[in-house]
């Protein structure tokens, strides 16, 4: 499936957006991150329709990124608040 195919424009994209906005309109679904989960599933379906052999690689990569993120969170390596001091200074542009 390509981004400019009729299948994507008239079937996949409207269905994906419809379900996403439906899940996003329910506060109990938003708390459970269901709209984000739906987009992840929809993207796997999209890329799986193009080349199914790439799905294991995509899933493996996403799993490792999620595990790395939780590892950073557990060791408090991700700052909770970022403050930029001196942000009022102007940076000169070079032409």
N, C-alpha and C. Protein backbone atom coordinates (compact mmCIF):
# COMPACT_ATOMS: atom_id res chain seq x y z
N UNK A 1 0.85 -1.18 0.00
CA UNK A 1 0.00 0.00 0.00
C UNK A 1 0.90 1.24 0.00
N UNK A 2 0.61 2.17 -0.86
CA UNK A 2 1.35 3.41 -0.94
C UNK A 2 0.50 4.57 -0.43
N UNK A 3 1.15 5.68 -0.08
CA UNK A 3 0.42 6.84 0.42
C UNK A 3 -0.49 7.45 -0.64
N UNK A 4 -0.17 7.28 -1.90
CA UNK A 4 -1.00 7.86 -2.96
C UNK A 4 -1.96 6.85 -3.60
N UNK A 5 -2.09 5.67 -3.03
CA UNK A 5 -3.01 4.67 -3.58
C UNK A 5 -4.44 4.95 -3.11
N UNK A 6 -5.40 4.52 -3.93
CA UNK A 6 -6.81 4.70 -3.57
C UNK A 6 -7.16 3.93 -2.31
N UNK A 7 -6.53 2.78 -2.13
CA UNK A 7 -6.78 1.97 -0.94
C UNK A 7 -6.40 2.75 0.33
N UNK A 8 -5.28 3.47 0.29
CA UNK A 8 -4.85 4.24 1.46
C UNK A 8 -5.75 5.46 1.66
N UNK A 9 -5.98 6.22 0.60
CA UNK A 9 -6.70 7.49 0.72
C UNK A 9 -8.17 7.30 1.09
N UNK A 10 -8.82 6.31 0.49
CA UNK A 10 -10.27 6.18 0.68
C UNK A 10 -10.68 5.09 1.66
N UNK A 11 -9.75 4.25 2.10
CA UNK A 11 -10.12 3.18 3.03
C UNK A 11 -9.30 3.25 4.33
N UNK A 12 -7.98 3.15 4.19
CA UNK A 12 -7.14 3.04 5.38
C UNK A 12 -7.09 4.32 6.19
N UNK A 13 -6.82 5.45 5.55
CA UNK A 13 -6.70 6.72 6.27
C UNK A 13 -8.01 7.15 6.94
N UNK A 14 -9.16 7.12 6.25
CA UNK A 14 -10.40 7.50 6.95
C UNK A 14 -10.74 6.58 8.12
N UNK A 15 -10.52 5.27 7.94
CA UNK A 15 -10.82 4.34 9.02
C UNK A 15 -9.89 4.57 10.21
N UNK A 16 -8.61 4.80 9.93
CA UNK A 16 -7.65 5.05 11.01
C UNK A 16 -7.99 6.33 11.77
N UNK A 17 -8.29 7.40 11.04
CA UNK A 17 -8.64 8.66 11.69
C UNK A 17 -9.95 8.57 12.46
N UNK A 18 -10.91 7.88 11.90
CA UNK A 18 -12.21 7.72 12.56
C UNK A 18 -12.06 7.01 13.91
N UNK A 19 -11.34 5.90 13.91
CA UNK A 19 -11.13 5.16 15.16
C UNK A 19 -10.28 5.97 16.13
N UNK A 20 -9.25 6.65 15.63
CA UNK A 20 -8.39 7.46 16.49
C UNK A 20 -9.18 8.56 17.20
N UNK A 21 -9.99 9.31 16.45
CA UNK A 21 -10.75 10.39 17.07
C UNK A 21 -11.88 9.87 17.95
N UNK A 22 -12.42 8.70 17.63
CA UNK A 22 -13.42 8.10 18.52
C UNK A 22 -12.78 7.73 19.86
N UNK A 23 -11.63 7.07 19.80
CA UNK A 23 -10.93 6.71 21.05
C UNK A 23 -10.45 7.94 21.80
N UNK A 24 -10.08 8.99 21.09
CA UNK A 24 -9.63 10.22 21.74
C UNK A 24 -10.73 11.01 22.38
N UNK A 25 -11.98 10.76 21.99
CA UNK A 25 -13.10 11.49 22.57
C UNK A 25 -13.56 10.91 23.90
N UNK A 26 -13.10 9.73 24.25
CA UNK A 26 -13.49 9.08 25.51
C UNK A 26 -12.37 9.24 26.53
N UNK A 27 -12.62 9.97 27.63
CA UNK A 27 -11.54 10.19 28.62
C UNK A 27 -10.97 8.90 29.21
N UNK A 28 -11.81 7.88 29.40
CA UNK A 28 -11.30 6.64 29.99
C UNK A 28 -10.37 5.90 29.02
N UNK A 29 -10.58 6.09 27.72
CA UNK A 29 -9.68 5.47 26.74
C UNK A 29 -8.37 6.24 26.64
N UNK A 30 -8.45 7.57 26.80
CA UNK A 30 -7.24 8.39 26.72
C UNK A 30 -6.31 8.07 27.89
N UNK A 31 -6.88 7.83 29.08
CA UNK A 31 -6.07 7.49 30.24
C UNK A 31 -5.30 6.19 30.01
N UNK A 32 -5.89 5.27 29.27
CA UNK A 32 -5.25 3.99 28.99
C UNK A 32 -4.37 4.03 27.75
N UNK A 33 -4.22 5.22 27.14
CA UNK A 33 -3.39 5.40 25.95
C UNK A 33 -3.87 4.58 24.76
N UNK A 34 -5.17 4.31 24.68
CA UNK A 34 -5.70 3.52 23.57
C UNK A 34 -5.59 4.21 22.21
N UNK A 35 -5.75 5.55 22.12
CA UNK A 35 -5.55 6.17 20.80
C UNK A 35 -4.12 5.98 20.27
N UNK A 36 -3.14 6.06 21.15
CA UNK A 36 -1.74 5.87 20.73
C UNK A 36 -1.52 4.41 20.34
N UNK A 37 -2.07 3.51 21.10
CA UNK A 37 -1.96 2.08 20.78
C UNK A 37 -2.60 1.79 19.42
N UNK A 38 -3.73 2.42 19.14
CA UNK A 38 -4.39 2.24 17.85
C UNK A 38 -3.49 2.73 16.70
N UNK A 39 -2.84 3.86 16.88
CA UNK A 39 -1.95 4.37 15.82
C UNK A 39 -0.75 3.44 15.61
N UNK A 40 -0.26 2.85 16.67
CA UNK A 40 0.85 1.91 16.53
C UNK A 40 0.40 0.67 15.75
N UNK A 41 -0.77 0.16 16.09
CA UNK A 41 -1.31 -1.01 15.38
C UNK A 41 -1.59 -0.67 13.92
N UNK A 42 -2.16 0.51 13.67
CA UNK A 42 -2.46 0.93 12.29
C UNK A 42 -1.18 1.09 11.49
N UNK A 43 -0.12 1.61 12.10
CA UNK A 43 1.13 1.76 11.36
C UNK A 43 1.75 0.40 11.05
N UNK A 44 1.63 -0.54 11.98
CA UNK A 44 2.12 -1.89 11.69
C UNK A 44 1.34 -2.54 10.56
N UNK A 45 0.03 -2.31 10.52
CA UNK A 45 -0.78 -2.83 9.42
C UNK A 45 -0.35 -2.18 8.11
N UNK A 46 -0.14 -0.88 8.13
CA UNK A 46 0.25 -0.16 6.91
C UNK A 46 1.58 -0.68 6.38
N UNK A 47 2.59 -0.74 7.22
CA UNK A 47 3.90 -1.19 6.76
C UNK A 47 3.91 -2.69 6.48
N UNK A 48 3.07 -3.45 7.17
CA UNK A 48 2.96 -4.88 6.91
C UNK A 48 2.33 -5.18 5.57
N UNK A 49 1.42 -4.32 5.11
CA UNK A 49 0.82 -4.50 3.79
C UNK A 49 1.82 -4.23 2.69
N UNK A 50 2.81 -3.38 2.95
CA UNK A 50 3.80 -3.06 1.94
C UNK A 50 4.83 -4.18 1.83
N UNK A 51 5.45 -4.53 2.97
CA UNK A 51 6.46 -5.58 2.96
C UNK A 51 6.40 -6.34 4.29
N UNK A 52 5.69 -7.46 4.33
CA UNK A 52 5.52 -8.20 5.59
C UNK A 52 6.82 -8.68 6.21
N UNK A 53 7.86 -8.85 5.41
CA UNK A 53 9.14 -9.32 5.97
C UNK A 53 9.79 -8.30 6.89
N UNK A 54 9.41 -7.03 6.78
CA UNK A 54 9.98 -6.00 7.63
C UNK A 54 9.30 -5.89 8.99
N UNK A 55 8.15 -6.52 9.17
CA UNK A 55 7.43 -6.39 10.44
C UNK A 55 8.22 -6.88 11.64
N UNK A 56 8.87 -8.03 11.60
CA UNK A 56 9.65 -8.43 12.79
C UNK A 56 10.74 -7.42 13.14
N UNK A 57 11.37 -6.85 12.16
CA UNK A 57 12.40 -5.85 12.42
C UNK A 57 11.80 -4.60 13.06
N UNK A 58 10.67 -4.14 12.56
CA UNK A 58 10.01 -2.94 13.12
C UNK A 58 9.58 -3.20 14.56
N UNK A 59 8.98 -4.36 14.80
CA UNK A 59 8.51 -4.69 16.16
C UNK A 59 9.69 -4.82 17.11
N UNK A 60 10.76 -5.46 16.68
CA UNK A 60 11.95 -5.61 17.52
C UNK A 60 12.56 -4.25 17.86
N UNK A 61 12.63 -3.37 16.88
CA UNK A 61 13.19 -2.05 17.11
C UNK A 61 12.33 -1.25 18.08
N UNK A 62 11.02 -1.28 17.90
CA UNK A 62 10.14 -0.54 18.80
C UNK A 62 10.20 -1.08 20.22
N UNK A 63 10.29 -2.40 20.35
CA UNK A 63 10.39 -2.99 21.68
C UNK A 63 11.66 -2.53 22.37
N UNK A 64 12.77 -2.50 21.64
CA UNK A 64 14.03 -2.05 22.23
C UNK A 64 13.99 -0.58 22.60
N UNK A 65 13.36 0.24 21.79
CA UNK A 65 13.25 1.67 22.13
C UNK A 65 12.41 1.87 23.38
N UNK A 66 11.34 1.13 23.51
CA UNK A 66 10.48 1.24 24.71
C UNK A 66 11.24 0.77 25.94
N UNK A 67 11.95 -0.34 25.83
CA UNK A 67 12.74 -0.82 26.97
C UNK A 67 13.83 0.17 27.36
N UNK A 68 14.49 0.77 26.38
CA UNK A 68 15.52 1.77 26.66
C UNK A 68 14.93 3.00 27.36
N UNK A 69 13.74 3.42 26.92
CA UNK A 69 13.07 4.56 27.55
C UNK A 69 12.75 4.26 29.01
N UNK A 70 12.21 3.07 29.29
CA UNK A 70 11.89 2.72 30.67
C UNK A 70 13.15 2.57 31.51
N UNK A 71 14.22 2.12 30.90
CA UNK A 71 15.49 2.04 31.61
C UNK A 71 15.97 3.43 32.01
N UNK A 72 15.86 4.39 31.09
CA UNK A 72 16.23 5.77 31.40
C UNK A 72 15.34 6.35 32.49
N UNK A 73 14.06 6.03 32.45
CA UNK A 73 13.15 6.53 33.49
C UNK A 73 13.48 5.95 34.85
N UNK A 74 13.82 4.67 34.92
CA UNK A 74 14.10 4.03 36.20
C UNK A 74 15.36 4.57 36.85
N UNK A 75 16.33 4.99 36.07
CA UNK A 75 17.56 5.54 36.61
C UNK A 75 17.54 7.05 36.67
N UNK A 76 16.37 7.66 36.46
CA UNK A 76 16.17 9.10 36.52
C UNK A 76 17.15 9.85 35.62
N UNK A 77 17.36 9.34 34.43
CA UNK A 77 18.25 9.99 33.48
C UNK A 77 17.52 10.93 32.53
N UNK A 78 16.20 10.95 32.62
CA UNK A 78 15.39 11.86 31.82
C UNK A 78 14.94 12.99 32.74
N UNK A 79 15.33 14.22 32.45
CA UNK A 79 14.94 15.33 33.34
C UNK A 79 13.44 15.55 33.30
N UNK A 80 12.86 15.76 34.45
CA UNK A 80 11.43 16.00 34.53
C UNK A 80 11.08 17.43 34.14
N UNK A 81 11.96 18.37 34.47
CA UNK A 81 11.75 19.77 34.14
C UNK A 81 13.01 20.31 33.49
N UNK A 82 12.82 21.00 32.41
CA UNK A 82 13.96 21.61 31.73
C UNK A 82 13.80 23.11 31.82
N UNK A 83 14.78 23.76 32.41
CA UNK A 83 14.73 25.22 32.47
C UNK A 83 15.91 25.76 31.68
N UNK A 84 15.61 26.70 30.83
CA UNK A 84 16.66 27.31 30.01
C UNK A 84 16.88 28.72 30.55
N UNK A 85 18.05 28.94 31.09
CA UNK A 85 18.35 30.25 31.64
C UNK A 85 18.99 31.10 30.56
N UNK A 86 18.63 32.35 30.54
CA UNK A 86 19.17 33.25 29.55
C UNK A 86 18.52 33.07 28.19
N UNK A 87 17.28 32.57 28.16
CA UNK A 87 16.63 32.32 26.89
C UNK A 87 16.15 33.61 26.23
N UNK A 88 16.25 34.74 26.96
CA UNK A 88 15.82 36.01 26.39
C UNK A 88 16.87 36.62 25.48
N UNK A 89 18.05 36.05 25.45
CA UNK A 89 19.12 36.59 24.62
C UNK A 89 18.86 36.24 23.16
N UNK A 90 19.19 37.18 22.30
CA UNK A 90 19.02 36.95 20.87
C UNK A 90 20.27 36.30 20.29
N UNK A 91 20.05 35.38 19.37
CA UNK A 91 21.15 34.70 18.71
C UNK A 91 21.32 35.33 17.33
N UNK A 92 22.50 35.87 17.04
CA UNK A 92 22.67 36.51 15.73
C UNK A 92 22.70 35.48 14.60
N UNK A 93 22.14 35.87 13.46
CA UNK A 93 22.14 35.01 12.29
C UNK A 93 23.28 35.39 11.38
N UNK A 94 23.87 34.42 10.73
CA UNK A 94 24.93 34.68 9.76
C UNK A 94 24.32 34.53 8.37
N UNK A 95 24.61 35.48 7.52
CA UNK A 95 24.11 35.43 6.13
C UNK A 95 25.14 34.81 5.23
